[in-house]
Structures are given as C-alpha cells and as structure tokens.
Amino acid sequence: MAEFLGVPGKEGALVTDVAKGSAAENRLKAGDVIVRADGKSVRNPDDFLNILRGKDDGASVDLVIVRDKKETTVTVTLGSGGARKGFKV
C-alpha cells in the first residue's frame, strides 16, 4: 500500500476519513499519509496520536503529508478535543 501511495520509507499514518465541517476538512482528505507532525517523524497512527496529546485546543500542528505521491505541508488547527474529532487515522 505504501508503495502505491508513494510514501517514502513506507511509514506514516493513513487518513481514512475527514469530518465535514471540521478544521481539517479543507486541509486533509482520505488517502493522505501523515509522515511528519511538528517536525517529528510519524511511523504509525500511535506516533501521530502521541504528538497530538501534547497539544492544547486551538493549537496549530504542521503536518507533512504524502498526497498523490508528492510531499506537501499543511497546517491544521486543533479544535476542542484535538484533531482526532476532525479526521481518523
């Protein structure tokens, strides 16, 4: 799957769903793979969730994602309860 998605190193957290109306809706989409969050490597969904746990509501998180076999950086602002309410990994 990682090869098909063009993920270098074959590690990351696959976004499986993005909630309509969430802060992440205009930044992420299902099929994106998060490979870095706030400058830290994301090897799997647990890595990503551990990075989010240290963030306050309203904080911004810079994400490096792979979409269409290309890396890009997006910033997501965490809502109440963290970004987990806006998308699933």
Protein backbone atom coordinates (compact mmCIF):
# COMPACT_ATOMS: atom_id res chain seq x y z
CA MET A 1 0.00 0.00 0.00
CA ALA A 2 2.81 2.41 0.90
CA GLU A 3 4.44 1.88 -2.50
CA PHE A 4 1.14 2.51 -4.27
CA LEU A 5 0.65 5.77 -2.34
CA GLY A 6 4.26 6.84 -2.91
CA VAL A 7 5.19 7.00 0.77
CA PRO A 8 8.97 7.22 1.29
CA GLY A 9 10.21 4.82 3.96
CA LYS A 10 6.83 3.07 3.91
CA GLU A 11 5.85 4.59 7.28
CA GLY A 12 3.17 7.05 8.31
CA ALA A 13 -0.45 7.39 9.41
CA LEU A 14 -3.07 6.94 6.70
CA VAL A 15 -6.02 9.36 6.90
CA THR A 16 -9.12 7.23 6.43
CA ASP A 17 -11.84 9.85 6.97
CA VAL A 18 -12.23 13.61 7.38
CA ALA A 19 -15.31 15.03 9.14
CA LYS A 20 -17.38 17.58 7.24
CA GLY A 21 -17.25 20.98 8.90
CA SER A 22 -14.05 20.20 10.81
CA ALA A 23 -10.91 22.35 10.75
CA ALA A 24 -9.19 19.52 8.88
CA GLU A 25 -11.80 19.38 6.09
CA ASN A 26 -10.04 21.88 3.83
CA ARG A 27 -6.55 20.61 4.66
CA LEU A 28 -6.70 16.80 4.60
CA LYS A 29 -8.51 14.14 2.66
CA ALA A 30 -8.92 10.39 2.93
CA GLY A 31 -5.88 8.72 1.38
CA ASP A 32 -3.37 11.29 2.66
CA VAL A 33 -0.49 9.81 4.63
CA ILE A 34 0.92 11.86 7.52
CA VAL A 35 4.70 11.31 7.65
CA ARG A 36 5.73 14.19 9.98
CA ALA A 37 3.92 16.24 12.60
CA ASP A 38 5.52 19.31 14.18
CA GLY A 39 8.90 18.21 12.87
CA LYS A 40 8.67 14.69 14.34
CA SER A 41 8.56 11.51 12.28
CA VAL A 42 5.26 9.69 12.21
CA ARG A 43 5.82 5.96 11.71
CA ASN A 44 2.28 4.86 12.55
CA PRO A 45 -1.04 6.21 13.89
CA ASP A 46 0.11 5.82 17.52
CA ASP A 47 3.09 8.12 16.89
CA PHE A 48 0.75 10.73 15.47
CA LEU A 49 -1.74 10.49 18.32
CA ASN A 50 1.08 10.79 20.87
CA ILE A 51 2.20 14.05 19.23
CA LEU A 52 -1.37 15.39 19.39
CA ARG A 53 -1.75 14.52 23.07
CA GLY A 54 0.75 17.21 23.98
CA LYS A 55 -1.25 19.94 22.19
CA ASP A 56 -3.85 22.31 23.62
CA ASP A 57 -7.19 23.03 21.99
CA GLY A 58 -6.74 25.76 19.38
CA ALA A 59 -3.06 24.92 18.80
CA SER A 60 -1.78 24.58 15.24
CA VAL A 61 0.02 21.47 14.04
CA ASP A 62 2.23 21.47 10.94
CA LEU A 63 1.86 18.20 9.05
CA VAL A 64 3.94 16.83 6.21
CA ILE A 65 1.66 14.61 4.17
CA VAL A 66 2.01 12.50 1.07
CA ARG A 67 -0.80 13.08 -1.42
CA ASP A 68 -0.71 11.86 -5.00
CA LYS A 69 2.86 10.62 -4.43
CA LYS A 70 4.07 14.14 -3.51
CA GLU A 71 5.02 15.56 -0.12
CA THR A 72 3.31 18.76 0.95
CA THR A 73 2.97 20.66 4.22
CA VAL A 74 -0.38 21.65 5.70
CA THR A 75 -1.29 23.30 8.98
CA VAL A 76 -4.29 22.08 10.96
CA THR A 77 -5.75 23.95 13.94
CA LEU A 78 -6.93 21.64 16.69
CA GLY A 79 -10.48 22.09 17.83
CA SER A 80 -11.96 21.06 21.13
CA GLY A 81 -10.79 17.53 21.91
CA GLY A 82 -7.88 17.72 19.44
CA ALA A 83 -7.77 16.94 15.74
CA ARG A 84 -8.96 13.37 16.36
CA LYS A 85 -12.52 14.71 16.14
CA GLY A 86 -11.85 16.08 12.65
CA PHE A 87 -10.25 13.09 10.99
CA LYS A 88 -9.40 9.43 11.51
CA VAL A 89 -6.02 7.75 11.10
